Protein backbone atom coordinates (compact mmCIF):
# COMPACT_ATOMS: atom_id res chain seq x y z
CA MET A 1 89.15 218.67 108.03
CA ARG A 2 87.26 217.61 110.94
CA ILE A 3 88.39 213.70 112.05
CA ALA A 4 86.33 212.11 114.62
CA ARG A 5 86.76 208.61 116.26
CA PHE A 6 83.10 207.06 117.18
CA VAL A 7 81.33 204.24 117.68
CA ILE A 8 78.02 203.48 116.78
CA ASP A 9 76.74 199.78 117.30
CA SER A 10 80.11 198.06 117.64
CA ASP A 11 83.56 198.93 116.76
CA PRO A 12 85.26 202.57 116.71
CA GLN A 13 85.64 204.17 113.50
CA TYR A 14 87.19 207.18 112.14
CA GLY A 15 85.09 209.74 110.42
CA LEU A 16 84.86 213.14 108.96
CA VAL A 17 82.42 215.60 110.94
CA GLU A 18 80.37 217.74 108.43
CA GLY A 19 77.80 219.91 109.43
CA ASP A 20 75.53 217.42 111.91
CA GLU A 21 76.81 214.20 109.83
CA ILE A 22 79.78 212.08 110.10
CA ALA A 23 81.34 210.14 107.33
CA ALA A 24 82.71 206.98 107.92
CA ILE A 25 86.28 207.04 106.47
CA ALA A 26 87.80 203.42 105.87
CA GLY A 27 90.81 202.42 108.19
CA ASP A 28 93.42 204.45 110.13
CA PRO A 29 93.62 207.73 108.60
CA PHE A 30 97.07 208.36 110.00
CA PHE A 31 98.32 205.23 108.35
CA GLN A 32 95.96 205.07 105.05
CA GLY A 33 94.32 208.50 104.50
CA VAL A 34 90.81 209.84 104.38
CA GLN A 35 89.07 207.35 102.03
CA PRO A 36 85.21 208.02 102.78
CA THR A 37 83.17 204.89 102.43
CA GLY A 38 79.86 206.32 101.72
CA THR A 39 78.68 205.78 104.74
CA ARG A 40 76.95 208.36 107.20
CA HIS A 41 75.25 209.38 110.14
CA PRO A 42 73.59 212.20 111.90
CA LEU A 43 76.25 213.22 114.35
CA ASP A 44 73.45 213.09 117.33
CA GLU A 45 73.44 209.72 117.18
CA VAL A 46 76.80 208.39 117.33
CA ARG A 47 79.24 208.09 120.71
CA LEU A 48 82.58 210.76 119.73
CA LEU A 49 85.41 208.80 121.17
CA ALA A 50 88.94 210.49 122.20
CA PRO A 51 89.76 211.46 118.85
CA ILE A 52 93.42 209.64 118.71
CA ILE A 53 94.74 207.26 121.38
CA PRO A 54 98.30 208.09 121.43
CA ARG A 55 100.39 205.37 120.02
CA SER A 56 103.35 205.87 122.75
CA LYS A 57 103.12 209.10 124.60
CA VAL A 58 101.25 212.27 125.51
CA VAL A 59 104.21 214.76 125.55
CA CYS A 60 103.16 217.80 127.83
CA PHE A 61 104.84 221.39 128.58
CA GLY A 62 104.00 223.50 131.71
CA ARG A 63 104.31 226.66 132.64
CA THR A 64 104.17 228.18 129.05
CA TYR A 65 102.14 231.00 129.84
CA ALA A 66 103.47 233.50 132.18
CA ASP A 67 100.58 234.22 134.13
CA HIS A 68 99.75 231.07 134.81
CA ALA A 69 103.31 230.22 135.86
CA LYS A 70 103.01 233.56 138.03
CA GLU A 71 99.28 232.29 139.59
CA LEU A 72 100.48 229.37 141.07
CA GLY A 73 103.73 230.97 142.64
CA ASN A 74 106.11 229.63 139.94
CA GLU A 75 108.68 231.47 138.08
CA VAL A 76 108.99 230.86 134.09
CA PRO A 77 111.05 228.46 133.12
CA ALA A 78 114.18 229.34 131.38
CA ALA A 79 113.98 226.72 128.69
CA PRO A 80 110.43 224.52 128.17
CA LEU A 81 109.71 222.57 131.05
CA MET A 82 107.90 218.83 129.85
CA PHE A 83 106.61 216.16 130.72
CA LEU A 84 104.76 212.79 130.13
CA LYS A 85 101.62 211.30 130.53
CA PRO A 86 100.78 207.79 129.60
CA ASN A 87 98.05 207.41 126.97
CA THR A 88 96.22 205.24 129.64
CA ALA A 89 95.56 208.95 130.90
CA VAL A 90 93.57 209.33 127.42
CA VAL A 91 89.38 209.68 127.87
CA GLY A 92 86.94 211.34 125.23
CA PRO A 93 84.41 214.02 125.05
CA GLY A 94 81.49 213.59 127.05
CA ASP A 95 83.19 210.89 129.22
CA PRO A 96 83.22 211.29 133.34
CA VAL A 97 86.46 211.48 134.80
CA THR A 98 86.80 209.88 138.04
CA LEU A 99 88.59 211.62 140.44
CA PRO A 100 91.51 209.73 141.85
CA ALA A 101 91.24 208.57 145.75
CA PHE A 102 94.73 209.86 146.49
CA SER A 103 94.08 213.39 145.61
CA GLU A 104 91.48 215.84 147.01
CA GLU A 105 93.00 218.79 144.75
CA VAL A 106 92.56 218.11 141.24
CA SER A 107 92.61 221.15 138.87
CA TYR A 108 91.23 221.67 135.25
CA GLU A 109 93.48 222.89 132.48
CA ALA A 110 91.88 223.81 129.41
CA GLU A 111 95.04 223.48 126.66
CA LEU A 112 95.61 223.35 122.87
CA ALA A 113 96.77 219.57 121.63
CA VAL A 114 98.81 219.02 118.70
CA VAL A 115 98.80 215.55 117.15
CA ILE A 116 101.60 214.32 115.03
CA GLY A 117 101.08 212.82 111.66
CA ARG A 118 104.85 211.14 111.22
CA ILE A 119 107.57 210.09 112.54
CA CYS A 120 110.01 212.50 112.98
CA LYS A 121 113.35 213.32 115.36
CA ASP A 122 115.10 216.60 115.56
CA VAL A 123 112.45 218.55 113.68
CA PRO A 124 113.64 222.59 112.99
CA ALA A 125 110.85 224.88 114.45
CA GLU A 126 110.36 226.39 110.59
CA LYS A 127 109.51 222.76 109.56
CA ALA A 128 107.16 221.92 112.62
CA SER A 129 104.23 221.98 110.31
CA ASP A 130 104.83 219.33 108.49
CA VAL A 131 104.94 217.12 110.73
CA VAL A 132 101.60 218.04 112.33
CA PHE A 133 98.61 216.13 111.76
CA GLY A 134 96.22 218.70 113.43
CA TYR A 135 94.79 220.08 116.47
CA THR A 136 92.69 219.13 119.13
CA ILE A 137 91.68 220.00 122.71
CA ALA A 138 92.77 218.57 126.07
CA ASN A 139 92.34 219.30 129.58
CA ASP A 140 95.46 218.65 131.52
CA LEU A 141 94.21 217.43 134.65
CA THR A 142 96.46 217.79 137.64
CA ALA A 143 96.37 216.29 141.28
CA ARG A 144 97.80 219.37 143.17
CA ASP A 145 98.45 217.83 146.46
CA ALA A 146 100.42 214.99 144.54
CA GLN A 147 102.32 217.52 142.63
CA ARG A 148 103.53 219.26 145.65
CA THR A 149 104.40 216.16 147.43
CA ASP A 150 105.67 213.92 144.79
CA GLY A 151 108.68 216.04 143.41
CA GLN A 152 108.01 213.99 140.50
CA TRP A 153 104.61 214.78 137.95
CA ALA A 154 103.90 211.16 136.96
CA ARG A 155 101.21 210.55 139.54
CA ALA A 156 99.79 214.00 139.69
CA LYS A 157 99.73 214.42 135.74
CA GLY A 158 99.44 210.99 134.74
CA TRP A 159 96.56 208.89 136.45
CA ASP A 160 93.99 207.05 134.76
CA GLY A 161 91.27 209.69 132.92
CA SER A 162 93.88 212.83 133.43
CA CYS A 163 93.85 213.54 129.95
CA PRO A 164 90.57 214.35 127.79
CA LEU A 165 90.64 214.45 124.69
CA GLY A 166 88.54 215.89 121.82
CA PRO A 167 85.74 216.27 120.70
CA TRP A 168 87.75 215.77 116.93
CA ILE A 169 91.13 216.52 115.20
CA GLU A 170 91.24 219.78 112.99
CA THR A 171 93.47 218.96 110.21
CA GLU A 172 93.37 223.18 109.38
CA LEU A 173 93.90 225.76 111.72
CA ASP A 174 96.49 228.44 112.04
CA VAL A 175 97.50 228.12 115.63
CA ASP A 176 99.51 231.73 116.06
CA ASP A 177 96.85 233.09 117.87
CA VAL A 178 93.75 231.49 118.46
CA THR A 179 91.31 231.61 122.00
CA ILE A 180 91.66 229.66 124.79
CA SER A 181 88.82 229.39 127.49
CA GLY A 182 87.49 227.41 130.28
CA ARG A 183 84.40 227.31 131.66
CA LEU A 184 83.42 225.77 134.87
CA ASP A 185 79.34 224.97 135.45
CA GLY A 186 78.87 227.48 132.55
CA GLU A 187 80.97 230.15 134.67
CA GLN A 188 84.11 231.26 132.56
CA VAL A 189 86.92 230.79 134.33
CA GLN A 190 89.54 231.06 131.82
CA SER A 191 90.41 232.35 128.86
CA GLY A 192 93.78 233.24 126.97
CA SER A 193 95.23 233.10 123.42
CA THR A 194 98.02 231.09 121.66
CA ALA A 195 99.76 233.97 121.07
CA GLN A 196 100.50 234.62 124.94
CA LEU A 197 102.62 231.47 124.63
CA ILE A 198 106.33 232.21 125.42
CA TRP A 199 107.53 229.59 123.02
CA SER A 200 105.37 229.14 120.19
CA VAL A 201 103.54 226.03 118.80
CA ALA A 202 106.70 225.37 116.62
CA ASP A 203 108.98 226.14 118.80
CA LEU A 204 107.32 223.48 121.31
CA VAL A 205 106.99 220.45 118.61
CA ALA A 206 110.42 220.88 117.85
CA TYR A 207 111.77 220.83 121.55
CA ALA A 208 110.05 217.77 122.19
CA SER A 209 111.55 216.27 119.06
CA GLN A 210 114.78 216.88 120.13
CA ALA A 211 114.13 214.73 123.32
CA PHE A 212 111.74 212.16 122.01
CA THR A 213 111.33 210.56 118.38
CA LEU A 214 107.52 211.36 117.87
CA LEU A 215 105.52 208.89 116.12
CA PRO A 216 102.29 209.51 114.31
CA GLY A 217 99.45 209.47 116.63
CA ASP A 218 101.44 211.05 119.74
CA VAL A 219 99.83 213.98 121.29
CA ILE A 220 101.65 217.45 122.69
CA LEU A 221 99.90 219.88 125.14
CA THR A 222 100.76 223.02 124.87
CA GLY A 223 100.45 224.56 128.41
CA THR A 224 97.45 226.41 129.73
CA PRO A 225 96.60 229.93 130.37
CA ALA A 226 95.57 231.24 133.54
CA GLY A 227 92.45 230.61 135.67
CA VAL A 228 93.22 226.87 136.74
CA GLY A 229 91.19 226.07 139.87
CA LEU A 230 90.06 222.57 141.39
CA VAL A 231 86.81 220.83 140.55
CA ARG A 232 84.80 218.53 142.54
CA GLU A 233 82.29 215.77 142.02
CA GLY A 234 79.71 216.59 139.85
CA GLN A 235 80.91 219.41 138.25
CA ARG A 236 81.18 220.31 134.60
CA PHE A 237 84.15 221.37 132.96
CA GLU A 238 84.21 222.79 129.18
CA ALA A 239 87.36 223.32 127.27
CA GLU A 240 86.94 225.78 124.01
CA ILE A 241 89.13 226.33 121.78
CA GLU A 242 88.66 228.74 118.56
CA GLY A 243 88.33 227.06 115.52
CA ILE A 244 88.17 223.46 117.11
CA GLY A 245 85.17 223.03 118.97
CA THR A 246 84.55 222.65 123.01
CA LEU A 247 85.50 219.68 125.52
CA SER A 248 83.54 218.66 127.76
CA ASN A 249 83.73 216.43 130.73
CA THR A 250 82.14 215.49 134.29
CA PHE A 251 83.74 214.57 137.42
CA ARG A 252 82.70 211.64 139.97
CA ARG A 253 84.10 209.95 142.88
């Protein structure tokens, strides 16, 4: 299933994306299951929102692809490198991202995002799929100049708008080997596969759960392949993941 959040006329609601239509569902699928209401809308007549606003946190992993670590002049970490983004960093598909005034070097990072479906702690990797609701696409925007000077990554990675998510959550996806690509103004700049991850998606979910209690709606960003670069005002970045779709955002000052 593809589950999206959308708005038409008034309040945000959830729906099932089925071809070129979206079928509204009642309530919150994370707590009430998927209950279609019978109301359907053409997909091009609704505005898609971020498919989830995390209940508590976005857990992110850095340098999980060896080529990406190398291109930034970093060693591959001995263990997964984690940081957090606040839920105020999240914006949706098609939303314009306002570049932060404190940075002149914001870069894009196309990533597979895991959406947690149940409360969990200390999950074994072999049981990780049991706690996953589905998968979506993220752009882990990073203020590189702040990342260099601050020491901690809170400002560089967590500013408002630094975590576009979307366009929907795909609940049925084998993530062992899916392609991830990024296009800047239509030119391909990133290309990789989750098969190149140093740690598997299941390993990353398990590792995050050792440190944090994961709640329904929490999101885990699994890292980006090589090819990252800077974005400027007026540009468009599209992150595409096989089996999910495309997340597109423009940038402004």
